[in-house]
Amino acid sequence: PSDGSLLLSLPALPFQLSSPALGLLLVFRTNTAYARWNEARMAWSRIENHSINLSRQGLAYLEPHEKDEHVRRVLALAHCLLAHFRRADEDGALKSLERTLTQLLGQTDANRLLGAQVMPV
């Protein structure tokens, strides 16, 4: 070129040969990531269903004065699991968990759970 820039020329054959392989690799990685996401979604759905069943059974079989506490504890377990899977130390999730546990269980039980050596999950 007349402007003093350098013109580079590369052969197209290596790119033509490697593009299909690279495309397949990306498709397989995307499918694997979706499969993992879908498996986690189905596992969380099972946790939700088991929590509902556990709450329902408690409502059916426990004494009237025990029912409210039972449902609150099952809900607290689900929130602890959620915080555990989302890594409670990130994005203020620990503060959110603390607030939720305090609402569900009261300050004493929430502090006991959050201060435990091994988290309840």
C-alpha atoms as a PDB file:
ATOM      1  CA  PRO A   1       0.000   0.000   0.000  1.00  0.00           C
ATOM      2  CA  SER A   2       1.026   3.544  -0.656  1.00  0.00           C
ATOM      3  CA  ASP A   3       0.308   4.814   2.907  1.00  0.00           C
ATOM      4  CA  GLY A   4       3.274   2.905   4.375  1.00  0.00           C
ATOM      5  CA  SER A   5       1.234   0.260   6.232  1.00  0.00           C
ATOM      6  CA  LEU A   6       2.201  -3.374   6.042  1.00  0.00           C
ATOM      7  CA  LEU A   7      -0.192  -5.796   4.345  1.00  0.00           C
ATOM      8  CA  LEU A   8      -0.123  -9.315   5.737  1.00  0.00           C
ATOM      9  CA  SER A   9      -1.492 -12.224   3.836  1.00  0.00           C
ATOM     10  CA  LEU A  10      -2.384 -15.532   5.462  1.00  0.00           C
ATOM     11  CA  PRO A  11      -3.422 -18.682   3.661  1.00  0.00           C
ATOM     12  CA  ALA A  12      -7.093 -19.561   4.196  1.00  0.00           C
ATOM     13  CA  LEU A  13      -6.621 -23.356   4.221  1.00  0.00           C
ATOM     14  CA  PRO A  14      -5.691 -23.755   7.930  1.00  0.00           C
ATOM     15  CA  PHE A  15      -8.751 -21.771   8.964  1.00  0.00           C
ATOM     16  CA  GLN A  16     -11.015 -23.711   6.626  1.00  0.00           C
ATOM     17  CA  LEU A  17      -9.756 -27.010   8.019  1.00  0.00           C
ATOM     18  CA  SER A  18      -9.916 -26.067  11.697  1.00  0.00           C
ATOM     19  CA  SER A  19     -13.268 -24.233  11.703  1.00  0.00           C
ATOM     20  CA  PRO A  20     -15.525 -27.330  11.701  1.00  0.00           C
ATOM     21  CA  ALA A  21     -13.547 -28.915  14.532  1.00  0.00           C
ATOM     22  CA  LEU A  22     -13.708 -25.706  16.556  1.00  0.00           C
ATOM     23  CA  GLY A  23     -17.445 -25.429  15.877  1.00  0.00           C
ATOM     24  CA  LEU A  24     -18.058 -28.993  17.085  1.00  0.00           C
ATOM     25  CA  LEU A  25     -15.983 -28.374  20.195  1.00  0.00           C
ATOM     26  CA  LEU A  26     -18.061 -25.304  21.058  1.00  0.00           C
ATOM     27  CA  VAL A  27     -21.316 -27.202  20.483  1.00  0.00           C
ATOM     28  CA  PHE A  28     -20.222 -30.040  22.767  1.00  0.00           C
ATOM     29  CA  ARG A  29     -19.158 -27.593  25.491  1.00  0.00           C
ATOM     30  CA  THR A  30     -22.481 -25.760  25.242  1.00  0.00           C
ATOM     31  CA  ASN A  31     -24.442 -29.015  25.421  1.00  0.00           C
ATOM     32  CA  THR A  32     -22.431 -30.164  28.436  1.00  0.00           C
ATOM     33  CA  ALA A  33     -23.002 -26.873  30.236  1.00  0.00           C
ATOM     34  CA  TYR A  34     -26.736 -27.032  29.526  1.00  0.00           C
ATOM     35  CA  ALA A  35     -26.872 -30.647  30.740  1.00  0.00           C
ATOM     36  CA  ARG A  36     -25.217 -29.658  34.019  1.00  0.00           C
ATOM     37  CA  TRP A  37     -27.552 -26.686  34.442  1.00  0.00           C
ATOM     38  CA  ASN A  38     -30.588 -28.854  33.711  1.00  0.00           C
ATOM     39  CA  GLU A  39     -29.437 -31.511  36.178  1.00  0.00           C
ATOM     40  CA  ALA A  40     -29.030 -28.861  38.898  1.00  0.00           C
ATOM     41  CA  ARG A  41     -32.464 -27.434  38.070  1.00  0.00           C
ATOM     42  CA  MET A  42     -34.057 -30.877  38.401  1.00  0.00           C
ATOM     43  CA  ALA A  43     -32.221 -31.520  41.688  1.00  0.00           C
ATOM     44  CA  TRP A  44     -33.458 -28.204  43.098  1.00  0.00           C
ATOM     45  CA  SER A  45     -36.982 -29.082  41.947  1.00  0.00           C
ATOM     46  CA  ARG A  46     -36.739 -32.359  43.890  1.00  0.00           C
ATOM     47  CA  ILE A  47     -35.595 -30.433  46.984  1.00  0.00           C
ATOM     48  CA  GLU A  48     -38.600 -28.120  46.640  1.00  0.00           C
ATOM     49  CA  ASN A  49     -40.979 -31.059  46.252  1.00  0.00           C
ATOM     50  CA  HIS A  50     -39.510 -32.889  49.248  1.00  0.00           C
ATOM     51  CA  SER A  51     -39.788 -29.712  51.333  1.00  0.00           C
ATOM     52  CA  ILE A  52     -43.436 -29.338  50.375  1.00  0.00           C
ATOM     53  CA  ASN A  53     -44.110 -32.985  51.193  1.00  0.00           C
ATOM     54  CA  LEU A  54     -42.302 -32.729  54.529  1.00  0.00           C
ATOM     55  CA  SER A  55     -44.289 -29.623  55.448  1.00  0.00           C
ATOM     56  CA  ARG A  56     -47.559 -31.233  54.378  1.00  0.00           C
ATOM     57  CA  GLN A  57     -46.851 -34.368  56.406  1.00  0.00           C
ATOM     58  CA  GLY A  58     -45.986 -32.268  59.433  1.00  0.00           C
ATOM     59  CA  LEU A  59     -49.242 -30.351  59.082  1.00  0.00           C
ATOM     60  CA  ALA A  60     -51.144 -33.630  58.887  1.00  0.00           C
ATOM     61  CA  TYR A  61     -49.514 -35.466  61.800  1.00  0.00           C
ATOM     62  CA  LEU A  62     -48.115 -32.966  64.308  1.00  0.00           C
ATOM     63  CA  GLU A  63     -49.922 -31.400  67.227  1.00  0.00           C
ATOM     64  CA  PRO A  64     -51.498 -28.004  66.445  1.00  0.00           C
ATOM     65  CA  HIS A  65     -48.960 -26.089  68.546  1.00  0.00           C
ATOM     66  CA  GLU A  66     -46.018 -27.739  66.672  1.00  0.00           C
ATOM     67  CA  LYS A  67     -47.189 -27.125  63.102  1.00  0.00           C
ATOM     68  CA  ASP A  68     -46.081 -23.516  62.645  1.00  0.00           C
ATOM     69  CA  GLU A  69     -42.573 -24.156  63.984  1.00  0.00           C
ATOM     70  CA  HIS A  70     -42.232 -27.263  61.796  1.00  0.00           C
ATOM     71  CA  VAL A  71     -43.080 -25.373  58.595  1.00  0.00           C
ATOM     72  CA  ARG A  72     -40.746 -22.524  59.555  1.00  0.00           C
ATOM     73  CA  ARG A  73     -37.865 -24.953  60.116  1.00  0.00           C
ATOM     74  CA  VAL A  74     -38.449 -26.661  56.766  1.00  0.00           C
ATOM     75  CA  LEU A  75     -38.420 -23.259  55.075  1.00  0.00           C
ATOM     76  CA  ALA A  76     -35.223 -22.366  56.939  1.00  0.00           C
ATOM     77  CA  LEU A  77     -33.600 -25.573  55.663  1.00  0.00           C
ATOM     78  CA  ALA A  78     -34.487 -24.662  52.081  1.00  0.00           C
ATOM     79  CA  HIS A  79     -33.016 -21.172  52.521  1.00  0.00           C
ATOM     80  CA  CYS A  80     -29.829 -22.621  54.066  1.00  0.00           C
ATOM     81  CA  LEU A  81     -29.472 -24.988  51.119  1.00  0.00           C
ATOM     82  CA  LEU A  82     -29.944 -22.125  48.683  1.00  0.00           C
ATOM     83  CA  ALA A  83     -27.282 -20.043  50.434  1.00  0.00           C
ATOM     84  CA  HIS A  84     -24.959 -23.051  50.508  1.00  0.00           C
ATOM     85  CA  PHE A  85     -25.290 -23.651  46.771  1.00  0.00           C
ATOM     86  CA  ARG A  86     -24.852 -19.957  45.996  1.00  0.00           C
ATOM     87  CA  ARG A  87     -21.766 -19.729  48.230  1.00  0.00           C
ATOM     88  CA  ALA A  88     -23.100 -17.695  51.126  1.00  0.00           C
ATOM     89  CA  ASP A  89     -19.988 -15.509  51.296  1.00  0.00           C
ATOM     90  CA  GLU A  90     -20.674 -13.907  47.900  1.00  0.00           C
ATOM     91  CA  ASP A  91     -22.926 -11.003  46.908  1.00  0.00           C
ATOM     92  CA  GLY A  92     -24.335 -10.319  50.349  1.00  0.00           C
ATOM     93  CA  ALA A  93     -26.063 -13.702  50.434  1.00  0.00           C
ATOM     94  CA  LEU A  94     -24.987 -14.256  54.037  1.00  0.00           C
ATOM     95  CA  LYS A  95     -26.736 -11.055  55.146  1.00  0.00           C
ATOM     96  CA  SER A  96     -29.840 -12.103  53.244  1.00  0.00           C
ATOM     97  CA  LEU A  97     -29.728 -15.560  54.849  1.00  0.00           C
ATOM     98  CA  GLU A  98     -29.312 -14.011  58.280  1.00  0.00           C
ATOM     99  CA  ARG A  99     -32.313 -11.742  57.706  1.00  0.00           C
ATOM    100  CA  THR A 100     -34.455 -14.630  56.431  1.00  0.00           C
ATOM    101  CA  LEU A 101     -33.484 -16.995  59.254  1.00  0.00           C
ATOM    102  CA  THR A 102     -34.218 -14.297  61.818  1.00  0.00           C
ATOM    103  CA  GLN A 103     -37.680 -13.791  60.337  1.00  0.00           C
ATOM    104  CA  LEU A 104     -38.374 -17.533  60.248  1.00  0.00           C
ATOM    105  CA  LEU A 105     -36.767 -18.785  63.461  1.00  0.00           C
ATOM    106  CA  GLY A 106     -36.134 -15.781  65.641  1.00  0.00           C
ATOM    107  CA  GLN A 107     -32.853 -14.129  66.589  1.00  0.00           C
ATOM    108  CA  THR A 108     -31.651 -16.826  69.002  1.00  0.00           C
ATOM    109  CA  ASP A 109     -31.998 -19.799  66.637  1.00  0.00           C
ATOM    110  CA  ALA A 110     -30.735 -17.802  63.650  1.00  0.00           C
ATOM    111  CA  ASN A 111     -27.580 -16.804  65.553  1.00  0.00           C
ATOM    112  CA  ARG A 112     -27.100 -20.390  66.700  1.00  0.00           C
ATOM    113  CA  LEU A 113     -27.276 -21.687  63.117  1.00  0.00           C
ATOM    114  CA  LEU A 114     -25.102 -18.953  61.616  1.00  0.00           C
ATOM    115  CA  GLY A 115     -22.503 -19.239  64.385  1.00  0.00           C
ATOM    116  CA  ALA A 116     -22.124 -23.004  64.111  1.00  0.00           C
ATOM    117  CA  GLN A 117     -18.692 -24.451  63.318  1.00  0.00           C
ATOM    118  CA  VAL A 118     -20.245 -26.517  60.539  1.00  0.00           C
ATOM    119  CA  MET A 119     -23.088 -24.872  58.678  1.00  0.00           C
ATOM    120  CA  PRO A 120     -26.318 -26.876  58.889  1.00  0.00           C
ATOM    121  CA  VAL A 121     -25.992 -27.987  55.289  1.00  0.00           C
END
